[in-house]
Amino acid sequence: MSNALCPLWRRLVALVYDLLIVLAIVMVVGLLCQLATGGRLIETGAHTAIPFWYQLLQGMVVAAYFVASWRRGGQTVGMRPWRIRVSRDDGGTISLQQAVIRVAVAAAPLLLLALAPAIGLRATLWTVLGAWALWFAVALFDPRRRTLHDLAADTEVRQMGGQ
């Protein structure tokens, strides 16, 4: 079913595809929340206030996309055209626990967004990107090309047959 270990560049290109899906999901959830709050979801003025429940909801919906995709066939929409699949080391579908660990560790750098008031938005965004670069750079040194979230969840990404 799956053969070769997946090179990092292929995973990153698939992630770009998935970012488009995530953007669409976030936009739909945002629209529904704006409609539900009568357009008063985000308070603007001297300081912009985004409700914590809304941030949590967005995070849960995006996480659900990844967890459901990995549990149902091992592929997100972005992984399909690149014929790559996340799996256990024996090639089987990852467990719910593995999927949740994987998405939590992959999303952990987002916690650094809390630094924005102290160091500014630009520095915070560079810090988050730097953390993600480290998460993925691990794959350059791991013999099975696993990222930090793969190591934490005991998963791997492989190219599917025919590659």
N, C-alpha and C. Protein backbone atom coordinates (compact mmCIF):
# COMPACT_ATOMS: atom_id res chain seq x y z
N MET A 1 0.84 -1.20 0.00
CA MET A 1 0.00 0.00 0.00
C MET A 1 0.87 1.25 0.00
N SER A 2 1.69 1.46 1.05
CA SER A 2 2.60 2.59 1.10
C SER A 2 4.00 2.07 0.94
N ASN A 3 4.83 2.82 0.23
CA ASN A 3 6.19 2.37 0.02
C ASN A 3 7.20 3.30 0.67
N ALA A 4 7.63 4.28 -0.06
CA ALA A 4 8.77 5.10 0.33
C ALA A 4 8.43 6.12 1.41
N LEU A 5 9.46 6.46 2.17
CA LEU A 5 9.32 7.54 3.12
C LEU A 5 9.09 8.83 2.35
N CYS A 6 8.31 9.71 2.90
CA CYS A 6 7.94 10.95 2.21
C CYS A 6 8.98 12.03 2.45
N PRO A 7 9.49 12.64 1.37
CA PRO A 7 10.43 13.74 1.57
C PRO A 7 9.73 14.96 2.16
N LEU A 8 10.50 15.74 2.91
CA LEU A 8 9.95 16.90 3.59
C LEU A 8 9.31 17.89 2.63
N TRP A 9 9.90 18.13 1.47
CA TRP A 9 9.35 19.12 0.54
C TRP A 9 7.93 18.75 0.11
N ARG A 10 7.69 17.46 -0.06
CA ARG A 10 6.36 17.00 -0.48
C ARG A 10 5.34 17.26 0.61
N ARG A 11 5.73 17.04 1.84
CA ARG A 11 4.84 17.30 2.98
C ARG A 11 4.51 18.78 3.08
N LEU A 12 5.51 19.63 2.87
CA LEU A 12 5.30 21.07 2.98
C LEU A 12 4.40 21.60 1.87
N VAL A 13 4.54 21.07 0.67
CA VAL A 13 3.67 21.50 -0.42
C VAL A 13 2.22 21.05 -0.13
N ALA A 14 2.06 19.84 0.37
CA ALA A 14 0.71 19.37 0.74
C ALA A 14 0.12 20.26 1.84
N LEU A 15 0.97 20.72 2.76
CA LEU A 15 0.51 21.60 3.82
C LEU A 15 0.01 22.93 3.27
N VAL A 16 0.66 23.43 2.23
CA VAL A 16 0.19 24.67 1.60
C VAL A 16 -1.23 24.46 1.06
N TYR A 17 -1.48 23.32 0.42
CA TYR A 17 -2.83 23.01 -0.06
C TYR A 17 -3.80 23.01 1.12
N ASP A 18 -3.39 22.36 2.22
CA ASP A 18 -4.28 22.28 3.38
C ASP A 18 -4.53 23.64 4.01
N LEU A 19 -3.57 24.55 3.92
CA LEU A 19 -3.79 25.88 4.46
C LEU A 19 -4.93 26.59 3.74
N LEU A 20 -5.10 26.31 2.46
CA LEU A 20 -6.24 26.87 1.72
C LEU A 20 -7.56 26.30 2.24
N ILE A 21 -7.58 25.01 2.55
CA ILE A 21 -8.78 24.38 3.12
C ILE A 21 -9.06 24.98 4.50
N VAL A 22 -8.01 25.12 5.31
CA VAL A 22 -8.16 25.69 6.65
C VAL A 22 -8.69 27.12 6.56
N LEU A 23 -8.18 27.90 5.62
CA LEU A 23 -8.67 29.26 5.43
C LEU A 23 -10.17 29.26 5.13
N ALA A 24 -10.60 28.36 4.26
CA ALA A 24 -12.03 28.26 3.94
C ALA A 24 -12.85 27.88 5.17
N ILE A 25 -12.36 26.93 5.94
CA ILE A 25 -13.07 26.50 7.16
C ILE A 25 -13.20 27.67 8.13
N VAL A 26 -12.10 28.38 8.35
CA VAL A 26 -12.10 29.52 9.28
C VAL A 26 -13.07 30.60 8.80
N MET A 27 -13.11 30.83 7.49
CA MET A 27 -14.02 31.85 6.95
C MET A 27 -15.49 31.45 7.17
N VAL A 28 -15.82 30.20 6.94
CA VAL A 28 -17.20 29.74 7.12
C VAL A 28 -17.61 29.82 8.59
N VAL A 29 -16.74 29.35 9.48
CA VAL A 29 -17.04 29.42 10.91
C VAL A 29 -17.18 30.89 11.34
N GLY A 30 -16.29 31.74 10.82
CA GLY A 30 -16.37 33.16 11.14
C GLY A 30 -17.68 33.78 10.69
N LEU A 31 -18.10 33.45 9.47
CA LEU A 31 -19.37 33.97 8.96
C LEU A 31 -20.54 33.52 9.82
N LEU A 32 -20.56 32.24 10.17
CA LEU A 32 -21.65 31.71 11.00
C LEU A 32 -21.68 32.38 12.38
N CYS A 33 -20.50 32.60 12.94
CA CYS A 33 -20.43 33.26 14.24
C CYS A 33 -20.83 34.73 14.15
N GLN A 34 -20.46 35.40 13.06
CA GLN A 34 -20.89 36.79 12.86
C GLN A 34 -22.41 36.87 12.76
N LEU A 35 -22.99 35.92 12.01
CA LEU A 35 -24.45 35.90 11.87
C LEU A 35 -25.11 35.61 13.21
N ALA A 36 -24.55 34.68 13.98
CA ALA A 36 -25.13 34.30 15.27
C ALA A 36 -25.04 35.42 16.30
N THR A 37 -24.04 36.29 16.17
CA THR A 37 -23.88 37.39 17.14
C THR A 37 -24.39 38.73 16.60
N GLY A 38 -25.07 38.70 15.49
CA GLY A 38 -25.60 39.93 14.91
C GLY A 38 -24.51 40.90 14.48
N GLY A 39 -23.38 40.34 14.06
CA GLY A 39 -22.28 41.18 13.60
C GLY A 39 -21.44 41.79 14.70
N ARG A 40 -21.65 41.34 15.95
CA ARG A 40 -20.91 41.90 17.08
C ARG A 40 -19.88 40.92 17.64
N LEU A 41 -19.36 40.07 16.80
CA LEU A 41 -18.42 39.04 17.25
C LEU A 41 -17.12 39.64 17.75
N ILE A 42 -16.53 40.51 16.97
CA ILE A 42 -15.24 41.09 17.32
C ILE A 42 -15.42 42.56 17.63
N GLU A 43 -14.98 42.97 18.82
CA GLU A 43 -15.11 44.36 19.23
C GLU A 43 -13.88 45.13 18.76
N THR A 44 -14.12 46.23 18.11
CA THR A 44 -13.01 47.08 17.67
C THR A 44 -13.09 48.41 18.39
N GLY A 45 -12.06 49.12 18.35
CA GLY A 45 -11.96 50.42 19.04
C GLY A 45 -10.49 50.65 19.29
N ALA A 46 -10.18 51.12 20.50
CA ALA A 46 -8.78 51.34 20.85
C ALA A 46 -8.01 50.02 20.80
N HIS A 47 -8.67 48.95 21.20
CA HIS A 47 -8.09 47.60 21.16
C HIS A 47 -9.11 46.64 20.57
N THR A 48 -8.63 45.75 19.72
CA THR A 48 -9.51 44.74 19.15
C THR A 48 -9.65 43.59 20.14
N ALA A 49 -10.88 43.17 20.38
CA ALA A 49 -11.14 42.08 21.32
C ALA A 49 -11.82 40.92 20.58
N ILE A 50 -11.12 39.79 20.54
CA ILE A 50 -11.67 38.58 19.93
C ILE A 50 -12.03 37.63 21.06
N PRO A 51 -13.31 37.26 21.18
CA PRO A 51 -13.73 36.41 22.30
C PRO A 51 -12.96 35.09 22.34
N PHE A 52 -12.62 34.67 23.56
CA PHE A 52 -11.88 33.43 23.74
C PHE A 52 -12.67 32.25 23.20
N TRP A 53 -14.00 32.24 23.39
CA TRP A 53 -14.81 31.11 22.93
C TRP A 53 -14.71 30.96 21.41
N TYR A 54 -14.58 32.09 20.72
CA TYR A 54 -14.48 32.06 19.26
C TYR A 54 -13.13 31.48 18.82
N GLN A 55 -12.07 31.89 19.49
CA GLN A 55 -10.75 31.34 19.18
C GLN A 55 -10.72 29.84 19.44
N LEU A 56 -11.30 29.43 20.55
CA LEU A 56 -11.36 28.01 20.90
C LEU A 56 -12.19 27.23 19.87
N LEU A 57 -13.32 27.79 19.46
CA LEU A 57 -14.16 27.14 18.45
C LEU A 57 -13.41 26.98 17.14
N GLN A 58 -12.74 28.03 16.70
CA GLN A 58 -11.97 27.94 15.45
C GLN A 58 -10.90 26.86 15.55
N GLY A 59 -10.19 26.83 16.66
CA GLY A 59 -9.16 25.81 16.87
C GLY A 59 -9.72 24.40 16.86
N MET A 60 -10.87 24.22 17.50
CA MET A 60 -11.48 22.89 17.55
C MET A 60 -11.96 22.44 16.17
N VAL A 61 -12.52 23.34 15.40
CA VAL A 61 -13.02 22.99 14.06
C VAL A 61 -11.86 22.64 13.13
N VAL A 62 -10.78 23.42 13.18
CA VAL A 62 -9.62 23.13 12.34
C VAL A 62 -8.98 21.81 12.77
N ALA A 63 -8.84 21.60 14.08
CA ALA A 63 -8.28 20.35 14.58
C ALA A 63 -9.14 19.16 14.15
N ALA A 64 -10.46 19.34 14.19
CA ALA A 64 -11.37 18.26 13.78
C ALA A 64 -11.17 17.90 12.31
N TYR A 65 -10.90 18.89 11.47
CA TYR A 65 -10.62 18.62 10.05
C TYR A 65 -9.43 17.68 9.91
N PHE A 66 -8.34 18.00 10.60
CA PHE A 66 -7.14 17.17 10.50
C PHE A 66 -7.35 15.80 11.12
N VAL A 67 -7.91 15.75 12.31
CA VAL A 67 -8.13 14.46 12.99
C VAL A 67 -9.04 13.57 12.15
N ALA A 68 -10.15 14.10 11.66
CA ALA A 68 -11.08 13.30 10.85
C ALA A 68 -10.43 12.82 9.56
N SER A 69 -9.64 13.68 8.93
CA SER A 69 -8.96 13.30 7.68
C SER A 69 -7.96 12.19 7.92
N TRP A 70 -7.15 12.32 8.96
CA TRP A 70 -6.13 11.31 9.24
C TRP A 70 -6.75 9.99 9.66
N ARG A 71 -7.88 10.06 10.36
CA ARG A 71 -8.56 8.83 10.81
C ARG A 71 -9.32 8.15 9.67
N ARG A 72 -9.76 8.92 8.68
CA ARG A 72 -10.52 8.39 7.56
C ARG A 72 -9.61 8.33 6.33
N GLY A 73 -8.78 7.34 6.27
CA GLY A 73 -7.94 7.15 5.11
C GLY A 73 -6.53 7.69 5.22
N GLY A 74 -6.20 8.40 6.30
CA GLY A 74 -4.85 8.87 6.52
C GLY A 74 -4.43 10.07 5.70
N GLN A 75 -5.38 10.71 5.01
CA GLN A 75 -5.03 11.82 4.14
C GLN A 75 -5.95 13.01 4.32
N THR A 76 -5.33 14.19 4.31
CA THR A 76 -6.11 15.42 4.23
C THR A 76 -6.32 15.71 2.75
N VAL A 77 -7.10 16.72 2.44
CA VAL A 77 -7.31 17.11 1.05
C VAL A 77 -5.97 17.46 0.39
N GLY A 78 -5.11 18.15 1.13
CA GLY A 78 -3.81 18.55 0.59
C GLY A 78 -2.86 17.39 0.34
N MET A 79 -3.03 16.30 1.06
CA MET A 79 -2.15 15.14 0.90
C MET A 79 -2.53 14.28 -0.31
N ARG A 80 -3.77 14.35 -0.71
CA ARG A 80 -4.24 13.47 -1.80
C ARG A 80 -3.52 13.67 -3.13
N PRO A 81 -3.41 14.89 -3.65
CA PRO A 81 -2.74 15.04 -4.94
C PRO A 81 -1.26 14.64 -4.90
N TRP A 82 -0.67 14.70 -3.73
CA TRP A 82 0.75 14.35 -3.58
C TRP A 82 0.93 12.89 -3.20
N ARG A 83 -0.18 12.18 -3.11
CA ARG A 83 -0.17 10.74 -2.83
C ARG A 83 0.68 10.39 -1.61
N ILE A 84 0.42 11.13 -0.53
CA ILE A 84 1.10 10.84 0.73
C ILE A 84 0.05 10.56 1.79
N ARG A 85 0.45 9.82 2.81
CA ARG A 85 -0.51 9.33 3.80
C ARG A 85 0.18 9.23 5.15
N VAL A 86 -0.51 9.66 6.20
CA VAL A 86 -0.01 9.48 7.56
C VAL A 86 -0.51 8.13 8.06
N SER A 87 0.37 7.40 8.74
CA SER A 87 0.00 6.07 9.21
C SER A 87 0.82 5.69 10.43
N ARG A 88 0.45 4.54 10.98
CA ARG A 88 1.30 3.91 12.00
C ARG A 88 2.51 3.34 11.28
N ASP A 89 3.48 2.88 12.01
CA ASP A 89 4.68 2.35 11.35
C ASP A 89 4.42 1.06 10.58
N ASP A 90 3.31 0.37 10.90
CA ASP A 90 2.95 -0.85 10.15
C ASP A 90 2.06 -0.54 8.95
N GLY A 91 1.81 0.75 8.67
CA GLY A 91 1.00 1.15 7.53
C GLY A 91 -0.48 1.30 7.83
N GLY A 92 -0.91 0.95 9.05
CA GLY A 92 -2.32 1.03 9.41
C GLY A 92 -2.77 2.44 9.74
N THR A 93 -4.08 2.62 9.81
CA THR A 93 -4.69 3.91 10.14
C THR A 93 -4.34 4.28 11.58
N ILE A 94 -4.00 5.54 11.78
CA ILE A 94 -3.64 5.98 13.13
C ILE A 94 -4.87 5.99 14.03
N SER A 95 -4.65 5.82 15.33
CA SER A 95 -5.74 5.82 16.30
C SER A 95 -6.21 7.25 16.57
N LEU A 96 -7.34 7.37 17.21
CA LEU A 96 -7.85 8.69 17.60
C LEU A 96 -6.85 9.37 18.52
N GLN A 97 -6.29 8.63 19.46
CA GLN A 97 -5.30 9.20 20.37
C GLN A 97 -4.08 9.72 19.61
N GLN A 98 -3.58 8.95 18.65
CA GLN A 98 -2.44 9.40 17.86
C GLN A 98 -2.77 10.67 17.07
N ALA A 99 -3.97 10.72 16.49
CA ALA A 99 -4.38 11.89 15.71
C ALA A 99 -4.48 13.13 16.59
N VAL A 100 -5.02 12.97 17.79
CA VAL A 100 -5.16 14.12 18.70
C VAL A 100 -3.78 14.59 19.17
N ILE A 101 -2.91 13.66 19.51
CA ILE A 101 -1.54 14.04 19.91
C ILE A 101 -0.85 14.75 18.76
N ARG A 102 -0.99 14.21 17.57
CA ARG A 102 -0.32 14.77 16.40
C ARG A 102 -0.79 16.21 16.13
N VAL A 103 -2.09 16.44 16.16
CA VAL A 103 -2.59 17.80 15.89
C VAL A 103 -2.23 18.74 17.04
N ALA A 104 -2.25 18.26 18.28
CA ALA A 104 -1.91 19.13 19.42
C ALA A 104 -0.45 19.56 19.37
N VAL A 105 0.45 18.62 19.07
CA VAL A 105 1.87 18.97 19.01
C VAL A 105 2.14 19.87 17.79
N ALA A 106 1.50 19.57 16.67
CA ALA A 106 1.69 20.40 15.47
C ALA A 106 1.20 21.83 15.71
N ALA A 107 0.15 21.99 16.50
CA ALA A 107 -0.43 23.31 16.74
C ALA A 107 0.22 24.04 17.92
N ALA A 108 1.05 23.36 18.69
CA ALA A 108 1.64 23.95 19.91
C ALA A 108 2.30 25.31 19.68
N PRO A 109 3.01 25.53 18.56
CA PRO A 109 3.61 26.86 18.37
C PRO A 109 2.60 28.01 18.38
N LEU A 110 1.33 27.71 18.12
CA LEU A 110 0.32 28.77 18.16
C LEU A 110 0.17 29.37 19.56
N LEU A 111 0.57 28.62 20.58
CA LEU A 111 0.52 29.15 21.95
C LEU A 111 1.44 30.36 22.11
N LEU A 112 2.44 30.44 21.25
CA LEU A 112 3.36 31.59 21.28
C LEU A 112 2.67 32.89 20.89
N LEU A 113 1.49 32.81 20.30
CA LEU A 113 0.75 34.03 19.95
C LEU A 113 0.45 34.86 21.19
N ALA A 114 0.47 34.23 22.35
CA ALA A 114 0.23 34.95 23.60
C ALA A 114 1.34 35.97 23.88
N LEU A 115 2.46 35.85 23.18
CA LEU A 115 3.57 36.79 23.35
C LEU A 115 3.32 38.14 22.67
N ALA A 116 2.33 38.20 21.80
CA ALA A 116 2.11 39.41 20.99
C ALA A 116 2.04 40.70 21.81
N PRO A 117 1.32 40.75 22.91
CA PRO A 117 1.28 42.02 23.66
C PRO A 117 2.66 42.43 24.19
N ALA A 118 3.51 41.47 24.48
CA ALA A 118 4.81 41.79 25.06
C ALA A 118 5.87 42.11 24.01
N ILE A 119 5.89 41.38 22.90
CA ILE A 119 6.97 41.57 21.92
C ILE A 119 6.50 42.11 20.58
N GLY A 120 5.20 42.29 20.43
CA GLY A 120 4.65 42.83 19.19
C GLY A 120 4.24 41.71 18.24
N LEU A 121 3.34 42.05 17.34
CA LEU A 121 2.78 41.06 16.44
C LEU A 121 3.82 40.50 15.46
N ARG A 122 4.60 41.37 14.86
CA ARG A 122 5.59 40.92 13.87
C ARG A 122 6.59 39.93 14.49
N ALA A 123 7.15 40.27 15.64
CA ALA A 123 8.11 39.39 16.31
C ALA A 123 7.44 38.08 16.72
N THR A 124 6.20 38.17 17.15
CA THR A 124 5.47 36.97 17.55
C THR A 124 5.26 36.04 16.36
N LEU A 125 4.85 36.59 15.22
CA LEU A 125 4.62 35.76 14.04
C LEU A 125 5.91 35.10 13.58
N TRP A 126 7.03 35.80 13.62
CA TRP A 126 8.32 35.22 13.26
C TRP A 126 8.71 34.12 14.24
N THR A 127 8.36 34.31 15.51
CA THR A 127 8.65 33.30 16.53
C THR A 127 7.85 32.03 16.26
N VAL A 128 6.57 32.19 15.93
CA VAL A 128 5.72 31.04 15.61
C VAL A 128 6.26 30.32 14.37
N LEU A 129 6.59 31.06 13.33
CA LEU A 129 7.15 30.44 12.12
C LEU A 129 8.47 29.73 12.40
N GLY A 130 9.29 30.32 13.24
CA GLY A 130 10.56 29.69 13.62
C GLY A 130 10.34 28.38 14.36
N ALA A 131 9.36 28.38 15.26
CA ALA A 131 9.05 27.14 15.99
C ALA A 131 8.57 26.06 15.03
N TRP A 132 7.70 26.44 14.09
CA TRP A 132 7.23 25.45 13.12
C TRP A 132 8.37 24.94 12.24
N ALA A 133 9.29 25.82 11.89
CA ALA A 133 10.45 25.39 11.11
C ALA A 133 11.24 24.33 11.88
N LEU A 134 11.40 24.53 13.18
CA LEU A 134 12.09 23.53 13.99
C LEU A 134 11.31 22.23 14.05
N TRP A 135 9.99 22.32 14.17
CA TRP A 135 9.12 21.12 14.23
C TRP A 135 9.36 20.26 12.99
N PHE A 136 9.41 20.92 11.83
CA PHE A 136 9.58 20.18 10.57
C PHE A 136 11.03 19.83 10.29
N ALA A 137 11.97 20.65 10.76
CA ALA A 137 13.40 20.40 10.51
C ALA A 137 13.85 19.08 11.13
N VAL A 138 13.18 18.64 12.16
CA VAL A 138 13.50 17.35 12.78
C VAL A 138 13.50 16.24 11.72
N ALA A 139 12.62 16.35 10.73
CA ALA A 139 12.52 15.33 9.67
C ALA A 139 13.79 15.23 8.84
N LEU A 140 14.57 16.28 8.81
CA LEU A 140 15.82 16.25 8.04
C LEU A 140 16.87 15.36 8.70
N PHE A 141 16.70 15.09 9.99
CA PHE A 141 17.69 14.32 10.75
C PHE A 141 17.19 12.95 11.18
N ASP A 142 15.87 12.76 11.18
CA ASP A 142 15.30 11.48 11.59
C ASP A 142 15.43 10.46 10.45
N PRO A 143 15.90 9.26 10.74
CA PRO A 143 16.07 8.25 9.68
C PRO A 143 14.76 7.90 8.96
N ARG A 144 13.61 8.06 9.65
CA ARG A 144 12.32 7.76 9.03
C ARG A 144 11.59 9.03 8.58
N ARG A 145 12.33 10.15 8.54
CA ARG A 145 11.81 11.45 8.08
C ARG A 145 10.59 11.94 8.86
N ARG A 146 10.54 11.63 10.13
CA ARG A 146 9.42 12.05 10.98
C ARG A 146 9.66 13.44 11.53
N THR A 147 8.59 14.22 11.59
CA THR A 147 8.63 15.55 12.19
C THR A 147 8.43 15.40 13.70
N LEU A 148 8.48 16.51 14.42
CA LEU A 148 8.29 16.45 15.87
C LEU A 148 6.92 15.89 16.22
N HIS A 149 5.88 16.29 15.47
CA HIS A 149 4.54 15.78 15.78
C HIS A 149 4.40 14.31 15.42
N ASP A 150 5.14 13.83 14.42
CA ASP A 150 5.16 12.39 14.13
C ASP A 150 5.83 11.63 15.27
N LEU A 151 6.94 12.14 15.75
CA LEU A 151 7.65 11.48 16.85
C LEU A 151 6.76 11.41 18.10
N ALA A 152 6.09 12.51 18.41
CA ALA A 152 5.23 12.54 19.60
C ALA A 152 4.06 11.58 19.49
N ALA A 153 3.50 11.44 18.29
CA ALA A 153 2.32 10.59 18.09
C ALA A 153 2.67 9.19 17.61
N ASP A 154 3.94 8.92 17.37
CA ASP A 154 4.39 7.63 16.83
C ASP A 154 3.71 7.35 15.49
N THR A 155 3.80 8.32 14.59
CA THR A 155 3.25 8.19 13.23
C THR A 155 4.36 8.48 12.23
N GLU A 156 4.06 8.24 10.97
CA GLU A 156 4.98 8.59 9.89
C GLU A 156 4.18 8.89 8.64
N VAL A 157 4.81 9.60 7.71
CA VAL A 157 4.16 9.95 6.46
C VAL A 157 4.94 9.25 5.35
N ARG A 158 4.20 8.53 4.51
CA ARG A 158 4.81 7.77 3.41
C ARG A 158 4.13 8.12 2.10
N GLN A 159 4.89 7.95 1.03
CA GLN A 159 4.34 8.08 -0.31
C GLN A 159 3.58 6.80 -0.60
N MET A 160 2.47 6.94 -1.28
CA MET A 160 1.66 5.77 -1.62
C MET A 160 2.20 5.13 -2.89
N GLY A 161 1.87 3.88 -3.11
CA GLY A 161 2.33 3.11 -4.26
C GLY A 161 2.23 3.86 -5.57
N GLY A 162 3.15 3.56 -6.48
CA GLY A 162 3.13 4.18 -7.79
C GLY A 162 4.03 5.39 -7.88
N GLN A 163 4.72 5.73 -6.80
CA GLN A 163 5.61 6.91 -6.81
C GLN A 163 7.03 6.47 -7.10
